[in-house]
């Protein structure tokens, strides 16, 4: 069985907001689009490991408030800028 490819948007070169690496980045919606559509903040993260870590952190399977996602993302970003 083929592994389903993730729909990931890579647009231009940016700096990862987590680790500070510069290169091709992916857009990360702080509040999941499946719950909030295009509302909410979009940030640039490198795919691996930062975007993957952010997704694992916020994907609880349960809809939370926009404030909850912002708070969790702020905690994710706040430690030293290391991946």
PDB file of N, CA and C in Angstrom:
ATOM      1  N   UNK A   1       0.843  -1.165   0.000  1.00  0.00           N
ATOM      2  CA  UNK A   1       0.000   0.000   0.000  1.00  0.00           C
ATOM      3  C   UNK A   1       0.897   1.239   0.000  1.00  0.00           C
ATOM      4  N   UNK A   2       0.596   2.176  -0.901  1.00  0.00           N
ATOM      5  CA  UNK A   2       1.374   3.415  -0.974  1.00  0.00           C
ATOM      6  C   UNK A   2       1.011   4.317   0.188  1.00  0.00           C
ATOM      7  N   UNK A   3       2.041   4.967   0.723  1.00  0.00           N
ATOM      8  CA  UNK A   3       1.804   5.935   1.785  1.00  0.00           C
ATOM      9  C   UNK A   3       1.218   7.202   1.172  1.00  0.00           C
ATOM     10  N   UNK A   4       0.163   7.716   1.781  1.00  0.00           N
ATOM     11  CA  UNK A   4      -0.484   8.925   1.278  1.00  0.00           C
ATOM     12  C   UNK A   4       0.438  10.123   1.496  1.00  0.00           C
ATOM     13  N   UNK A   5       0.641  10.891   0.435  1.00  0.00           N
ATOM     14  CA  UNK A   5       1.499  12.074   0.520  1.00  0.00           C
ATOM     15  C   UNK A   5       0.742  13.216   1.191  1.00  0.00           C
ATOM     16  N   UNK A   6       1.399  13.871   2.102  1.00  0.00           N
ATOM     17  CA  UNK A   6       0.794  15.002   2.807  1.00  0.00           C
ATOM     18  C   UNK A   6       0.710  16.196   1.877  1.00  0.00           C
ATOM     19  N   UNK A   7      -0.360  16.931   1.988  1.00  0.00           N
ATOM     20  CA  UNK A   7      -0.533  18.143   1.210  1.00  0.00           C
ATOM     21  C   UNK A   7       0.200  19.265   1.937  1.00  0.00           C
ATOM     22  N   UNK A   8       1.431  19.508   1.530  1.00  0.00           N
ATOM     23  CA  UNK A   8       2.280  20.477   2.207  1.00  0.00           C
ATOM     24  C   UNK A   8       2.613  21.599   1.257  1.00  0.00           C
ATOM     25  N   UNK A   9       2.415  22.803   1.700  1.00  0.00           N
ATOM     26  CA  UNK A   9       2.718  23.966   0.887  1.00  0.00           C
ATOM     27  C   UNK A   9       4.116  24.451   1.197  1.00  0.00           C
ATOM     28  N   UNK A  10       4.977  24.435   0.202  1.00  0.00           N
ATOM     29  CA  UNK A  10       6.314  24.990   0.337  1.00  0.00           C
ATOM     30  C   UNK A  10       6.360  26.200  -0.574  1.00  0.00           C
ATOM     31  N   UNK A  11       6.510  27.362   0.026  1.00  0.00           N
ATOM     32  CA  UNK A  11       6.470  28.594  -0.748  1.00  0.00           C
ATOM     33  C   UNK A  11       7.692  29.441  -0.437  1.00  0.00           C
ATOM     34  N   UNK A  12       8.629  29.458  -1.330  1.00  0.00           N
ATOM     35  CA  UNK A  12       9.770  30.350  -1.188  1.00  0.00           C
ATOM     36  C   UNK A  12      10.671  30.034  -0.015  1.00  0.00           C
ATOM     37  N   UNK A  13      11.580  30.932   0.206  1.00  0.00           N
ATOM     38  CA  UNK A  13      12.570  30.781   1.265  1.00  0.00           C
ATOM     39  C   UNK A  13      12.222  31.703   2.420  1.00  0.00           C
ATOM     40  N   UNK A  14      12.283  31.150   3.612  1.00  0.00           N
ATOM     41  CA  UNK A  14      11.966  31.893   4.822  1.00  0.00           C
ATOM     42  C   UNK A  14      12.840  31.367   5.949  1.00  0.00           C
ATOM     43  N   UNK A  15      12.701  31.934   7.116  1.00  0.00           N
ATOM     44  CA  UNK A  15      13.407  31.470   8.304  1.00  0.00           C
ATOM     45  C   UNK A  15      12.419  30.741   9.203  1.00  0.00           C
ATOM     46  N   UNK A  16      12.805  29.571   9.652  1.00  0.00           N
ATOM     47  CA  UNK A  16      11.959  28.773  10.542  1.00  0.00           C
ATOM     48  C   UNK A  16      11.797  29.517  11.866  1.00  0.00           C
ATOM     49  N   UNK A  17      10.555  29.659  12.318  1.00  0.00           N
ATOM     50  CA  UNK A  17      10.291  30.374  13.561  1.00  0.00           C
ATOM     51  C   UNK A  17      10.709  29.594  14.797  1.00  0.00           C
ATOM     52  N   UNK A  18      10.956  28.294  14.645  1.00  0.00           N
ATOM     53  CA  UNK A  18      11.371  27.479  15.790  1.00  0.00           C
ATOM     54  C   UNK A  18      12.889  27.383  15.892  1.00  0.00           C
ATOM     55  N   UNK A  19      13.537  26.923  14.830  1.00  0.00           N
ATOM     56  CA  UNK A  19      14.974  26.641  14.920  1.00  0.00           C
ATOM     57  C   UNK A  19      15.855  27.715  14.285  1.00  0.00           C
ATOM     58  N   UNK A  20      15.248  28.637  13.524  1.00  0.00           N
ATOM     59  CA  UNK A  20      16.026  29.705  12.917  1.00  0.00           C
ATOM     60  C   UNK A  20      16.711  29.343  11.616  1.00  0.00           C
ATOM     61  N   UNK A  21      16.513  28.127  11.134  1.00  0.00           N
ATOM     62  CA  UNK A  21      17.122  27.695   9.869  1.00  0.00           C
ATOM     63  C   UNK A  21      16.500  28.466   8.708  1.00  0.00           C
ATOM     64  N   UNK A  22      17.318  28.817   7.717  1.00  0.00           N
ATOM     65  CA  UNK A  22      16.830  29.531   6.535  1.00  0.00           C
ATOM     66  C   UNK A  22      16.790  28.562   5.367  1.00  0.00           C
ATOM     67  N   UNK A  23      15.692  28.556   4.627  1.00  0.00           N
ATOM     68  CA  UNK A  23      15.568  27.680   3.462  1.00  0.00           C
ATOM     69  C   UNK A  23      14.111  27.574   3.047  1.00  0.00           C
ATOM     70  N   UNK A  24      13.787  26.517   2.334  1.00  0.00           N
ATOM     71  CA  UNK A  24      12.405  26.291   1.928  1.00  0.00           C
ATOM     72  C   UNK A  24      11.609  25.865   3.154  1.00  0.00           C
ATOM     73  N   UNK A  25      10.575  26.629   3.432  1.00  0.00           N
ATOM     74  CA  UNK A  25       9.761  26.390   4.615  1.00  0.00           C
ATOM     75  C   UNK A  25       8.335  26.000   4.221  1.00  0.00           C
ATOM     76  N   UNK A  26       7.622  25.424   5.173  1.00  0.00           N
ATOM     77  CA  UNK A  26       6.216  25.089   4.985  1.00  0.00           C
ATOM     78  C   UNK A  26       5.379  26.006   5.865  1.00  0.00           C
ATOM     79  N   UNK A  27       4.161  26.284   5.392  1.00  0.00           N
ATOM     80  CA  UNK A  27       3.254  27.106   6.180  1.00  0.00           C
ATOM     81  C   UNK A  27       2.562  26.231   7.220  1.00  0.00           C
ATOM     82  N   UNK A  28       2.545  26.718   8.436  1.00  0.00           N
ATOM     83  CA  UNK A  28       1.878  25.997   9.525  1.00  0.00           C
ATOM     84  C   UNK A  28       0.770  26.878  10.076  1.00  0.00           C
ATOM     85  N   UNK A  29      -0.436  26.355  10.091  1.00  0.00           N
ATOM     86  CA  UNK A  29      -1.565  27.078  10.678  1.00  0.00           C
ATOM     87  C   UNK A  29      -1.581  26.771  12.169  1.00  0.00           C
ATOM     88  N   UNK A  30      -1.404  27.799  12.977  1.00  0.00           N
ATOM     89  CA  UNK A  30      -1.344  27.606  14.426  1.00  0.00           C
ATOM     90  C   UNK A  30      -2.616  26.921  14.925  1.00  0.00           C
ATOM     91  N   UNK A  31      -3.765  27.362  14.454  1.00  0.00           N
ATOM     92  CA  UNK A  31      -5.037  26.697  14.762  1.00  0.00           C
ATOM     93  C   UNK A  31      -5.410  25.854  13.537  1.00  0.00           C
ATOM     94  N   UNK A  32      -5.641  24.547  13.696  1.00  0.00           N
ATOM     95  CA  UNK A  32      -5.873  23.664  12.554  1.00  0.00           C
ATOM     96  C   UNK A  32      -6.972  24.145  11.612  1.00  0.00           C
ATOM     97  N   UNK A  33      -6.685  24.072  10.325  1.00  0.00           N
ATOM     98  CA  UNK A  33      -7.661  24.495   9.316  1.00  0.00           C
ATOM     99  C   UNK A  33      -8.914  23.643   9.340  1.00  0.00           C
ATOM    100  N   UNK A  34      -8.808  22.387   9.730  1.00  0.00           N
ATOM    101  CA  UNK A  34     -10.003  21.522   9.739  1.00  0.00           C
ATOM    102  C   UNK A  34     -11.036  22.016  10.745  1.00  0.00           C
ATOM    103  N   UNK A  35     -10.593  22.785  11.742  1.00  0.00           N
ATOM    104  CA  UNK A  35     -11.518  23.336  12.733  1.00  0.00           C
ATOM    105  C   UNK A  35     -11.846  24.808  12.477  1.00  0.00           C
ATOM    106  N   UNK A  36     -10.869  25.582  11.994  1.00  0.00           N
ATOM    107  CA  UNK A  36     -11.038  27.028  11.905  1.00  0.00           C
ATOM    108  C   UNK A  36     -10.954  27.585  10.490  1.00  0.00           C
ATOM    109  N   UNK A  37     -10.817  26.728   9.496  1.00  0.00           N
ATOM    110  CA  UNK A  37     -10.675  27.221   8.126  1.00  0.00           C
ATOM    111  C   UNK A  37      -9.411  28.050   7.994  1.00  0.00           C
ATOM    112  N   UNK A  38      -9.486  29.127   7.248  1.00  0.00           N
ATOM    113  CA  UNK A  38      -8.290  29.940   7.026  1.00  0.00           C
ATOM    114  C   UNK A  38      -8.107  31.012   8.104  1.00  0.00           C
ATOM    115  N   UNK A  39      -8.978  31.007   9.113  1.00  0.00           N
ATOM    116  CA  UNK A  39      -8.806  31.965  10.218  1.00  0.00           C
ATOM    117  C   UNK A  39      -7.549  31.607  10.992  1.00  0.00           C
ATOM    118  N   UNK A  40      -7.024  32.551  11.678  1.00  0.00           N
ATOM    119  CA  UNK A  40      -5.876  32.266  12.535  1.00  0.00           C
ATOM    120  C   UNK A  40      -4.552  32.585  11.873  1.00  0.00           C
ATOM    121  N   UNK A  41      -3.545  32.494  12.666  1.00  0.00           N
ATOM    122  CA  UNK A  41      -2.193  32.878  12.265  1.00  0.00           C
ATOM    123  C   UNK A  41      -1.511  31.753  11.491  1.00  0.00           C
ATOM    124  N   UNK A  42      -0.719  32.142  10.508  1.00  0.00           N
ATOM    125  CA  UNK A  42       0.092  31.200   9.735  1.00  0.00           C
ATOM    126  C   UNK A  42       1.556  31.554   9.975  1.00  0.00           C
ATOM    127  N   UNK A  43       2.368  30.544  10.256  1.00  0.00           N
ATOM    128  CA  UNK A  43       3.791  30.756  10.516  1.00  0.00           C
ATOM    129  C   UNK A  43       4.617  29.875   9.590  1.00  0.00           C
ATOM    130  N   UNK A  44       5.885  30.194   9.448  1.00  0.00           N
ATOM    131  CA  UNK A  44       6.798  29.416   8.605  1.00  0.00           C
ATOM    132  C   UNK A  44       7.639  28.497   9.475  1.00  0.00           C
ATOM    133  N   UNK A  45       7.618  27.201   9.148  1.00  0.00           N
ATOM    134  CA  UNK A  45       8.430  26.213   9.854  1.00  0.00           C
ATOM    135  C   UNK A  45       9.104  25.295   8.848  1.00  0.00           C
ATOM    136  N   UNK A  46      10.303  24.816   9.189  1.00  0.00           N
ATOM    137  CA  UNK A  46      10.923  23.802   8.338  1.00  0.00           C
ATOM    138  C   UNK A  46      10.125  22.509   8.525  1.00  0.00           C
ATOM    139  N   UNK A  47      10.040  21.702   7.481  1.00  0.00           N
ATOM    140  CA  UNK A  47       9.216  20.490   7.542  1.00  0.00           C
ATOM    141  C   UNK A  47       9.707  19.546   8.628  1.00  0.00           C
ATOM    142  N   UNK A  48      10.989  19.285   8.613  1.00  0.00           N
ATOM    143  CA  UNK A  48      11.519  18.327   9.577  1.00  0.00           C
ATOM    144  C   UNK A  48      12.713  18.955  10.280  1.00  0.00           C
ATOM    145  N   UNK A  49      12.690  19.011  11.565  1.00  0.00           N
ATOM    146  CA  UNK A  49      11.720  18.383  12.452  1.00  0.00           C
ATOM    147  C   UNK A  49      10.618  19.320  12.953  1.00  0.00           C
ATOM    148  N   UNK A  50      10.736  20.615  12.750  1.00  0.00           N
ATOM    149  CA  UNK A  50       9.888  21.583  13.462  1.00  0.00           C
ATOM    150  C   UNK A  50       8.400  21.481  13.134  1.00  0.00           C
ATOM    151  N   UNK A  51       8.023  21.450  11.853  1.00  0.00           N
ATOM    152  CA  UNK A  51       6.606  21.375  11.496  1.00  0.00           C
ATOM    153  C   UNK A  51       6.012  20.052  11.990  1.00  0.00           C
ATOM    154  N   UNK A  52       6.763  18.980  11.823  1.00  0.00           N
ATOM    155  CA  UNK A  52       6.274  17.679  12.291  1.00  0.00           C
ATOM    156  C   UNK A  52       6.038  17.685  13.802  1.00  0.00           C
ATOM    157  N   UNK A  53       6.960  18.291  14.551  1.00  0.00           N
ATOM    158  CA  UNK A  53       6.800  18.367  16.012  1.00  0.00           C
ATOM    159  C   UNK A  53       5.587  19.210  16.393  1.00  0.00           C
ATOM    160  N   UNK A  54       5.414  20.337  15.716  1.00  0.00           N
ATOM    161  CA  UNK A  54       4.264  21.203  16.004  1.00  0.00           C
ATOM    162  C   UNK A  54       2.962  20.462  15.734  1.00  0.00           C
ATOM    163  N   UNK A  55       2.897  19.729  14.626  1.00  0.00           N
ATOM    164  CA  UNK A  55       1.688  18.964  14.306  1.00  0.00           C
ATOM    165  C   UNK A  55       1.389  17.919  15.370  1.00  0.00           C
ATOM    166  N   UNK A  56       2.404  17.199  15.820  1.00  0.00           N
ATOM    167  CA  UNK A  56       2.193  16.173  16.852  1.00  0.00           C
ATOM    168  C   UNK A  56       1.707  16.804  18.156  1.00  0.00           C
ATOM    169  N   UNK A  57       2.195  17.995  18.445  1.00  0.00           N
ATOM    170  CA  UNK A  57       1.842  18.672  19.685  1.00  0.00           C
ATOM    171  C   UNK A  57       0.388  19.129  19.698  1.00  0.00           C
ATOM    172  N   UNK A  58      -0.095  19.658  18.578  1.00  0.00           N
ATOM    173  CA  UNK A  58      -1.447  20.228  18.574  1.00  0.00           C
ATOM    174  C   UNK A  58      -2.526  19.269  18.089  1.00  0.00           C
ATOM    175  N   UNK A  59      -2.164  18.195  17.422  1.00  0.00           N
ATOM    176  CA  UNK A  59      -3.176  17.287  16.884  1.00  0.00           C
ATOM    177  C   UNK A  59      -3.656  16.315  17.948  1.00  0.00           C
ATOM    178  N   UNK A  60      -4.567  16.796  18.790  1.00  0.00           N
ATOM    179  CA  UNK A  60      -5.115  15.975  19.867  1.00  0.00           C
ATOM    180  C   UNK A  60      -6.359  15.226  19.421  1.00  0.00           C
ATOM    181  N   UNK A  61      -6.894  15.584  18.234  1.00  0.00           N
ATOM    182  CA  UNK A  61      -8.118  14.963  17.748  1.00  0.00           C
ATOM    183  C   UNK A  61      -9.371  15.643  18.258  1.00  0.00           C
ATOM    184  N   UNK A  62      -9.200  16.580  19.170  1.00  0.00           N
ATOM    185  CA  UNK A  62     -10.320  17.307  19.752  1.00  0.00           C
ATOM    186  C   UNK A  62     -10.183  18.784  19.425  1.00  0.00           C
ATOM    187  N   UNK A  63     -11.283  19.394  19.061  1.00  0.00           N
ATOM    188  CA  UNK A  63     -11.242  20.832  18.799  1.00  0.00           C
ATOM    189  C   UNK A  63     -11.071  21.584  20.115  1.00  0.00           C
ATOM    190  N   UNK A  64     -10.122  22.512  20.100  1.00  0.00           N
ATOM    191  CA  UNK A  64      -9.863  23.373  21.256  1.00  0.00           C
ATOM    192  C   UNK A  64     -10.169  24.812  20.853  1.00  0.00           C
ATOM    193  N   UNK A  65     -10.044  25.715  21.785  1.00  0.00           N
ATOM    194  CA  UNK A  65     -10.259  27.121  21.455  1.00  0.00           C
ATOM    195  C   UNK A  65      -9.044  27.662  20.701  1.00  0.00           C
ATOM    196  N   UNK A  66      -9.249  28.737  19.948  1.00  0.00           N
ATOM    197  CA  UNK A  66      -8.159  29.392  19.246  1.00  0.00           C
ATOM    198  C   UNK A  66      -7.068  29.801  20.239  1.00  0.00           C
ATOM    199  N   UNK A  67      -7.486  30.276  21.410  1.00  0.00           N
ATOM    200  CA  UNK A  67      -6.529  30.689  22.445  1.00  0.00           C
ATOM    201  C   UNK A  67      -5.667  29.523  22.905  1.00  0.00           C
ATOM    202  N   UNK A  68      -6.249  28.324  23.004  1.00  0.00           N
ATOM    203  CA  UNK A  68      -5.490  27.142  23.420  1.00  0.00           C
ATOM    204  C   UNK A  68      -4.379  26.859  22.423  1.00  0.00           C
ATOM    205  N   UNK A  69      -4.708  26.870  21.124  1.00  0.00           N
ATOM    206  CA  UNK A  69      -3.693  26.618  20.103  1.00  0.00           C
ATOM    207  C   UNK A  69      -2.596  27.678  20.134  1.00  0.00           C
ATOM    208  N   UNK A  70      -2.968  28.934  20.311  1.00  0.00           N
ATOM    209  CA  UNK A  70      -1.973  30.010  20.391  1.00  0.00           C
ATOM    210  C   UNK A  70      -1.052  29.811  21.593  1.00  0.00           C
ATOM    211  N   UNK A  71      -1.619  29.428  22.727  1.00  0.00           N
ATOM    212  CA  UNK A  71      -0.824  29.212  23.943  1.00  0.00           C
ATOM    213  C   UNK A  71       0.139  28.040  23.770  1.00  0.00           C
ATOM    214  N   UNK A  72      -0.345  26.936  23.211  1.00  0.00           N
ATOM    215  CA  UNK A  72       0.513  25.767  23.005  1.00  0.00           C
ATOM    216  C   UNK A  72       1.631  26.096  22.018  1.00  0.00           C
ATOM    217  N   UNK A  73       1.291  26.833  20.953  1.00  0.00           N
ATOM    218  CA  UNK A  73       2.319  27.212  19.988  1.00  0.00           C
ATOM    219  C   UNK A  73       3.357  28.138  20.628  1.00  0.00           C
ATOM    220  N   UNK A  74       2.912  29.071  21.450  1.00  0.00           N
ATOM    221  CA  UNK A  74       3.844  29.983  22.126  1.00  0.00           C
ATOM    222  C   UNK A  74       4.805  29.200  23.020  1.00  0.00           C
ATOM    223  N   UNK A  75       4.313  28.178  23.700  1.00  0.00           N
ATOM    224  CA  UNK A  75       5.177  27.340  24.539  1.00  0.00           C
ATOM    225  C   UNK A  75       6.147  26.533  23.676  1.00  0.00           C
ATOM    226  N   UNK A  76       5.680  26.083  22.526  1.00  0.00           N
ATOM    227  CA  UNK A  76       6.519  25.316  21.599  1.00  0.00           C
ATOM    228  C   UNK A  76       7.665  26.177  21.072  1.00  0.00           C
ATOM    229  N   UNK A  77       7.373  27.410  20.753  1.00  0.00           N
ATOM    230  CA  UNK A  77       8.337  28.333  20.159  1.00  0.00           C
ATOM    231  C   UNK A  77       9.288  28.928  21.187  1.00  0.00           C
ATOM    232  N   UNK A  78       8.827  29.122  22.430  1.00  0.00           N
ATOM    233  CA  UNK A  78       9.563  29.893  23.410  1.00  0.00           C
ATOM    234  C   UNK A  78      10.895  29.333  23.881  1.00  0.00           C
ATOM    235  N   UNK A  79      11.088  28.019  23.998  1.00  0.00           N
ATOM    236  CA  UNK A  79      12.411  27.560  24.425  1.00  0.00           C
ATOM    237  C   UNK A  79      13.468  28.022  23.424  1.00  0.00           C
ATOM    238  N   UNK A  80      14.720  27.830  23.773  1.00  0.00           N
ATOM    239  CA  UNK A  80      15.796  28.232  22.869  1.00  0.00           C
ATOM    240  C   UNK A  80      15.455  27.817  21.461  1.00  0.00           C
ATOM    241  N   UNK A  81      15.865  28.614  20.495  1.00  0.00           N
ATOM    242  CA  UNK A  81      15.537  28.348  19.092  1.00  0.00           C
ATOM    243  C   UNK A  81      16.365  27.182  18.573  1.00  0.00           C
ATOM    244  N   UNK A  82      16.098  26.018  19.097  1.00  0.00           N
ATOM    245  CA  UNK A  82      16.770  24.809  18.619  1.00  0.00           C
ATOM    246  C   UNK A  82      15.719  23.827  18.204  1.00  0.00           C
ATOM    247  N   UNK A  83      16.022  23.034  17.188  1.00  0.00           N
ATOM    248  CA  UNK A  83      15.071  22.057  16.682  1.00  0.00           C
ATOM    249  C   UNK A  83      15.022  20.907  17.570  1.00  0.00           C
TER     250      UNK A  83
END
